[in-house]
Amino acid sequence: MATVKNLKIKTATCKRIIKELHSYEKEVEIEAAKTADMKEKGADPYDLKQQENVLAESRMMVPDCHKRLESALVDLKGALAELEKSTQEKGPEFNDARSTITEIESFLQTTEE
């Protein structure tokens, strides 16, 4: 059974995951630039290989975050729908959850295109 506390937690989880996703995307950009710079400067092959591994790990985290975000979004929608059916009172938590859902859905649509 969903509670307002659970709704707050699920909303915060979605916000945290989207923050993580943005962070990983920035990290991929930074690591890619660093790798390209090392290639231009003719860095040691071992160092270059290690940097490419770091870049590959960062790239792997982006799809993982997308999956976790989609899963958290489904959980949030379910909790919100359940609470709206069972509760008459609507607090700021409901509006926060709705705005988070809208934000994440628009973000996911732009990344799919």
Protein backbone atom coordinates (compact mmCIF):
# COMPACT_ATOMS: atom_id res chain seq x y z
CA MET A 1 0.00 0.00 0.00
CA ALA A 2 1.36 3.38 -1.04
CA THR A 3 1.67 6.19 1.48
CA VAL A 4 2.58 9.85 1.16
CA LYS A 5 5.97 9.00 2.64
CA ASN A 6 6.51 6.35 -0.07
CA LEU A 7 5.49 8.90 -2.70
CA LYS A 8 8.10 11.34 -1.39
CA ILE A 9 10.76 8.62 -1.42
CA LYS A 10 9.93 7.52 -4.97
CA THR A 11 9.92 11.14 -6.16
CA ALA A 12 13.33 11.75 -4.56
CA THR A 13 14.64 8.52 -6.10
CA CYS A 14 13.64 9.67 -9.58
CA LYS A 15 15.26 13.06 -9.04
CA ARG A 16 18.46 11.43 -7.78
CA ILE A 17 18.68 9.04 -10.72
CA ILE A 18 18.17 11.80 -13.28
CA LYS A 19 20.93 13.78 -11.55
CA GLU A 20 23.19 10.71 -11.74
CA LEU A 21 22.37 10.31 -15.42
CA HIS A 22 23.34 13.90 -16.19
CA SER A 23 26.53 13.41 -14.20
CA TYR A 24 27.48 10.27 -16.13
CA GLU A 25 26.76 11.98 -19.45
CA LYS A 26 29.10 14.84 -18.47
CA GLU A 27 31.70 12.34 -17.33
CA VAL A 28 31.56 10.57 -20.71
CA GLU A 29 32.14 13.89 -22.50
CA ILE A 30 35.09 14.75 -20.25
CA GLU A 31 36.67 11.30 -20.52
CA ALA A 32 36.19 11.24 -24.31
CA ALA A 33 37.95 14.60 -24.61
CA LYS A 34 40.73 13.38 -22.34
CA THR A 35 41.15 10.21 -24.43
CA ALA A 36 41.25 12.17 -27.68
CA ASP A 37 43.82 14.54 -26.18
CA MET A 38 45.99 11.62 -25.08
CA LYS A 39 45.81 10.12 -28.58
CA GLU A 40 46.84 13.44 -30.15
CA LYS A 41 49.80 13.81 -27.82
CA GLY A 42 50.94 10.22 -28.44
CA ALA A 43 50.61 9.07 -24.85
CA ASP A 44 52.00 5.81 -23.58
CA PRO A 45 49.95 2.88 -24.99
CA TYR A 46 49.34 1.47 -21.51
CA ASP A 47 48.03 4.81 -20.21
CA LEU A 48 45.89 5.21 -23.30
CA LYS A 49 44.42 1.73 -22.84
CA GLN A 50 43.60 2.50 -19.20
CA GLN A 51 41.92 5.76 -20.21
CA GLU A 52 39.88 3.92 -22.85
CA ASN A 53 38.75 1.47 -20.14
CA VAL A 54 37.65 4.37 -17.94
CA LEU A 55 35.71 5.82 -20.88
CA ALA A 56 34.08 2.45 -21.62
CA GLU A 57 32.98 2.08 -17.99
CA SER A 58 31.48 5.56 -18.02
CA ARG A 59 29.62 4.79 -21.24
CA MET A 60 28.21 1.59 -19.72
CA MET A 61 26.69 3.53 -16.84
CA VAL A 62 24.46 5.70 -19.08
CA PRO A 63 22.19 2.84 -20.31
CA ASP A 64 22.13 1.41 -16.78
CA CYS A 65 20.90 4.75 -15.43
CA HIS A 66 18.27 4.92 -18.18
CA LYS A 67 16.92 1.51 -17.14
CA ARG A 68 16.88 2.47 -13.46
CA LEU A 69 15.16 5.76 -14.29
CA GLU A 70 12.47 4.04 -16.34
CA SER A 71 11.89 1.53 -13.53
CA ALA A 72 11.72 4.27 -10.89
CA LEU A 73 9.31 6.24 -13.09
CA VAL A 74 6.96 3.24 -13.32
CA ASP A 75 7.11 2.85 -9.52
CA LEU A 76 6.38 6.54 -9.01
CA LYS A 77 3.43 6.50 -11.41
CA GLY A 78 2.01 3.43 -9.68
CA ALA A 79 2.34 4.95 -6.22
CA LEU A 80 0.79 8.23 -7.36
CA ALA A 81 -2.15 6.48 -9.04
CA GLU A 82 -2.76 4.29 -5.99
CA LEU A 83 -2.66 7.25 -3.61
CA GLU A 84 -4.93 9.38 -5.80
CA LYS A 85 -7.55 6.61 -5.71
CA SER A 86 -7.36 6.01 -1.97
CA THR A 87 -6.79 9.53 -0.61
CA GLN A 88 -9.00 12.59 -0.74
CA GLU A 89 -6.36 15.05 0.45
CA LYS A 90 -3.85 16.26 -2.08
CA GLY A 91 -0.70 17.87 -0.72
CA PRO A 92 2.40 19.39 -2.29
CA GLU A 93 3.87 15.90 -2.56
CA PHE A 94 1.33 15.07 -5.27
CA ASN A 95 2.23 18.15 -7.32
CA ASP A 96 5.94 17.43 -6.87
CA ALA A 97 5.43 13.85 -8.05
CA ARG A 98 3.42 14.97 -11.09
CA SER A 99 6.01 17.58 -12.09
CA THR A 100 8.80 15.01 -11.67
CA ILE A 101 6.91 12.54 -13.86
CA THR A 102 6.40 15.19 -16.55
CA GLU A 103 10.05 16.22 -16.40
CA ILE A 104 11.32 12.66 -16.70
CA GLU A 105 8.93 11.73 -19.51
CA SER A 106 9.98 14.76 -21.56
CA PHE A 107 13.64 13.96 -20.87
CA LEU A 108 13.19 10.35 -21.98
CA GLN A 109 11.40 11.45 -25.15
CA THR A 110 14.25 13.78 -26.11
CA THR A 111 16.87 11.10 -25.52
CA GLU A 112 14.98 8.56 -27.66
CA GLU A 113 14.86 10.90 -30.65
